[in-house]
């Protein structure tokens, strides 16, 4: 997958470069039952002020559509 741009839906200042790192299969369970199973795409972010990684995934909605999600992983800050 080629490098792309990940952006926040609320502000242009979060425009950064991204590089696709990998696709991770994920199975989420609750009380022994699978509640979601799919693939999460993992991206490295360059130039974002507070995040190094971003994750993206999609799922079907109850009305038959699809919904996409993204999540940024915040950088750990040093200090005491």
Protein backbone atom coordinates (compact mmCIF):
# COMPACT_ATOMS: atom_id res chain seq x y z
CA UNK A 1 0.00 0.00 0.00
CA UNK A 2 1.31 3.47 -0.82
CA UNK A 3 1.89 6.29 1.60
CA UNK A 4 -1.12 8.54 2.05
CA UNK A 5 -2.53 11.28 4.20
CA UNK A 6 -4.44 10.82 7.44
CA UNK A 7 -6.45 13.83 8.53
CA UNK A 8 -8.68 14.80 11.39
CA UNK A 9 -12.26 15.53 10.38
CA UNK A 10 -12.17 18.76 12.41
CA UNK A 11 -8.90 20.49 11.56
CA UNK A 12 -6.40 20.76 8.73
CA UNK A 13 -3.46 21.15 11.15
CA UNK A 14 -3.48 17.38 11.69
CA UNK A 15 -2.62 16.61 8.04
CA UNK A 16 0.36 14.28 8.18
CA UNK A 17 2.14 11.74 6.02
CA UNK A 18 1.33 8.10 6.67
CA UNK A 19 2.91 4.81 5.69
CA UNK A 20 1.02 1.52 5.82
CA UNK A 21 2.90 -0.86 8.12
CA UNK A 22 0.72 -3.95 8.32
CA UNK A 23 -2.74 -5.51 8.42
CA UNK A 24 -3.61 -7.17 11.75
CA UNK A 25 -6.41 -9.72 12.11
CA UNK A 26 -8.41 -8.96 15.26
CA UNK A 27 -11.11 -10.90 17.11
CA UNK A 28 -12.88 -9.11 19.96
CA UNK A 29 -14.82 -11.23 22.42
CA UNK A 30 -17.19 -10.50 25.28
CA UNK A 31 -18.24 -13.19 27.75
CA UNK A 32 -16.83 -15.85 25.45
CA UNK A 33 -18.71 -14.67 22.34
CA UNK A 34 -17.13 -13.01 19.31
CA UNK A 35 -18.54 -9.49 19.03
CA UNK A 36 -16.29 -8.26 16.21
CA UNK A 37 -13.84 -9.90 13.86
CA UNK A 38 -11.97 -8.14 11.11
CA UNK A 39 -8.73 -6.59 9.96
CA UNK A 40 -7.18 -3.45 11.46
CA UNK A 41 -4.80 -1.50 9.23
CA UNK A 42 -1.77 0.01 11.02
CA UNK A 43 -0.07 3.18 9.74
CA UNK A 44 3.08 5.05 10.84
CA UNK A 45 2.51 8.81 11.05
CA UNK A 46 5.14 11.40 10.18
CA UNK A 47 4.69 14.99 11.28
CA UNK A 48 1.79 14.56 13.69
CA UNK A 49 2.32 16.59 16.87
CA UNK A 50 1.08 13.92 19.31
CA UNK A 51 0.74 10.54 17.55
CA UNK A 52 3.13 8.03 16.00
CA UNK A 53 0.65 5.39 14.84
CA UNK A 54 -2.87 5.33 13.44
CA UNK A 55 -5.28 2.41 13.16
CA UNK A 56 -8.17 2.06 10.71
CA UNK A 57 -10.96 -0.51 10.42
CA UNK A 58 -14.51 -0.82 9.13
CA UNK A 59 -17.60 -2.83 9.97
CA UNK A 60 -21.09 -3.40 8.66
CA UNK A 61 -23.89 -1.43 10.28
CA UNK A 62 -27.29 -2.77 11.28
CA UNK A 63 -28.88 -1.12 8.22
CA UNK A 64 -26.52 -2.91 5.80
CA UNK A 65 -24.07 -0.04 5.31
CA UNK A 66 -20.42 0.18 6.31
CA UNK A 67 -18.83 2.43 8.90
CA UNK A 68 -15.12 3.28 9.00
CA UNK A 69 -13.15 4.14 12.15
CA UNK A 70 -9.71 5.62 12.76
CA UNK A 71 -7.77 5.99 15.98
CA UNK A 72 -4.43 7.71 16.64
CA UNK A 73 -2.02 6.36 19.25
CA UNK A 74 -0.67 9.19 21.37
CA UNK A 75 3.08 9.50 21.98
CA UNK A 76 4.27 8.76 25.49
CA UNK A 77 5.66 11.83 27.17
CA UNK A 78 8.69 11.55 29.39
CA UNK A 79 9.04 13.07 32.81
CA UNK A 80 8.05 12.37 36.36
